[in-house]
Amino acid sequence: MMTLTYLKDVVTLRLDSNLCVGCGRCPEVCPHGVLVMENGKSRIVNRDACMECGACARNCPVDALWVKNGVGCAIGILNSVLGRKSACCGEDQGCCCA
């Protein structure tokens, strides 16, 4: 099976493993297998495969996951083309595409 990868290191997905209670919902709903359960906690295994759909964050009962869902890394590309040089790929991040 081919693994989808978008632009490297631009995904906004974040996991706070200290908050994770190990419910297993995030790997269950992730369409690209970005998350797995390991030792009773969720773990990101391929962050660059994340399409930023937000299913993991919406289904997390303890808000251990965060992602700026929407159009994914395409927003970074478009903002770069428009000449925007800061926070083009996510809140409080430097521009990943400039």
Protein backbone atom coordinates (compact mmCIF):
# COMPACT_ATOMS: atom_id res chain seq x y z
CA MET A 1 0.00 0.00 0.00
CA MET A 2 1.32 3.43 -0.95
CA THR A 3 1.77 5.92 1.90
CA LEU A 4 0.61 9.44 1.15
CA THR A 5 2.98 12.23 2.11
CA TYR A 6 2.26 15.90 1.67
CA LEU A 7 4.85 18.62 2.25
CA LYS A 8 7.47 17.70 4.83
CA ASP A 9 7.28 19.32 8.27
CA VAL A 10 4.28 21.60 7.68
CA VAL A 11 1.47 19.67 9.38
CA THR A 12 -0.09 21.42 12.39
CA LEU A 13 -0.91 18.16 14.21
CA ARG A 14 0.14 18.14 17.87
CA LEU A 15 -0.23 15.43 20.52
CA ASP A 16 0.15 15.99 24.25
CA SER A 17 0.94 12.46 25.41
CA ASN A 18 0.62 13.54 29.05
CA LEU A 19 -3.10 14.18 28.47
CA CYS A 20 -3.70 10.98 26.48
CA VAL A 21 -5.83 8.43 28.33
CA GLY A 22 -5.35 5.65 25.78
CA CYS A 23 -8.95 5.40 24.58
CA GLY A 24 -7.84 4.41 21.06
CA ARG A 25 -10.26 6.66 19.21
CA CYS A 26 -7.65 8.66 17.28
CA PRO A 27 -6.02 5.76 15.40
CA GLU A 28 -9.50 4.37 14.79
CA VAL A 29 -10.72 7.52 13.00
CA CYS A 30 -7.50 8.60 11.25
CA PRO A 31 -7.89 7.91 7.51
CA HIS A 32 -4.13 7.82 6.87
CA GLY A 33 -2.81 5.80 9.80
CA VAL A 34 -0.92 8.74 11.29
CA LEU A 35 -1.53 7.56 14.87
CA VAL A 36 -1.08 4.21 16.61
CA MET A 37 -1.58 2.90 20.11
CA GLU A 38 1.65 1.98 21.87
CA ASN A 39 2.06 1.09 25.54
CA GLY A 40 -1.46 2.28 26.32
CA LYS A 41 -1.03 5.73 24.73
CA SER A 42 -1.47 7.26 21.31
CA ARG A 43 1.66 8.00 19.30
CA ILE A 44 2.20 9.86 16.01
CA VAL A 45 4.00 7.53 13.60
CA ASN A 46 3.88 9.51 10.34
CA ARG A 47 3.07 13.15 10.96
CA ASP A 48 3.73 14.12 7.32
CA ALA A 49 0.91 11.80 6.17
CA CYS A 50 -1.65 13.87 8.13
CA MET A 51 -4.17 15.60 5.86
CA GLU A 52 -5.36 17.80 8.74
CA CYS A 53 -8.97 16.59 8.60
CA GLY A 54 -9.33 17.03 12.36
CA ALA A 55 -11.06 13.70 13.01
CA CYS A 56 -8.55 12.74 15.71
CA ALA A 57 -8.90 16.00 17.62
CA ARG A 58 -12.70 16.04 17.34
CA ASN A 59 -12.91 12.53 18.76
CA CYS A 60 -10.39 12.94 21.58
CA PRO A 61 -12.28 13.03 24.90
CA VAL A 62 -9.44 14.84 26.74
CA ASP A 63 -8.20 17.29 24.06
CA ALA A 64 -4.80 15.61 23.84
CA LEU A 65 -4.71 16.27 20.08
CA TRP A 66 -4.81 19.54 18.20
CA VAL A 67 -4.74 20.25 14.50
CA LYS A 68 -5.72 23.27 12.47
CA ASN A 69 -8.14 21.43 10.25
CA GLY A 70 -9.21 22.71 6.90
CA VAL A 71 -7.35 22.52 3.63
CA GLY A 72 -4.13 21.15 5.06
CA CYS A 73 -0.77 22.28 3.77
CA ALA A 74 -2.42 23.83 0.71
CA ILE A 75 -3.10 26.93 2.82
CA GLY A 76 0.65 27.33 3.33
CA ILE A 77 1.35 27.10 -0.38
CA LEU A 78 -1.39 29.59 -1.26
CA ASN A 79 -0.31 32.09 1.40
CA SER A 80 3.27 31.83 0.19
CA VAL A 81 2.20 32.53 -3.39
CA LEU A 82 0.29 35.55 -2.09
CA GLY A 83 3.50 36.85 -0.51
CA ARG A 84 2.55 36.29 3.11
CA LYS A 85 5.67 35.49 5.13
CA SER A 86 4.43 34.70 8.66
CA ALA A 87 2.14 32.09 10.19
CA CYS A 88 1.16 30.72 6.80
CA CYS A 89 0.79 27.11 7.94
CA GLY A 90 -0.53 27.39 11.45
CA GLU A 91 -1.08 29.49 14.49
CA ASP A 92 2.09 30.98 15.99
CA GLN A 93 4.45 29.20 13.60
CA GLY A 94 7.00 30.68 11.28
CA CYS A 95 6.20 30.34 7.62
CA CYS A 96 7.06 26.86 6.44
CA CYS A 97 6.77 27.64 2.76
CA ALA A 98 8.75 30.85 2.22
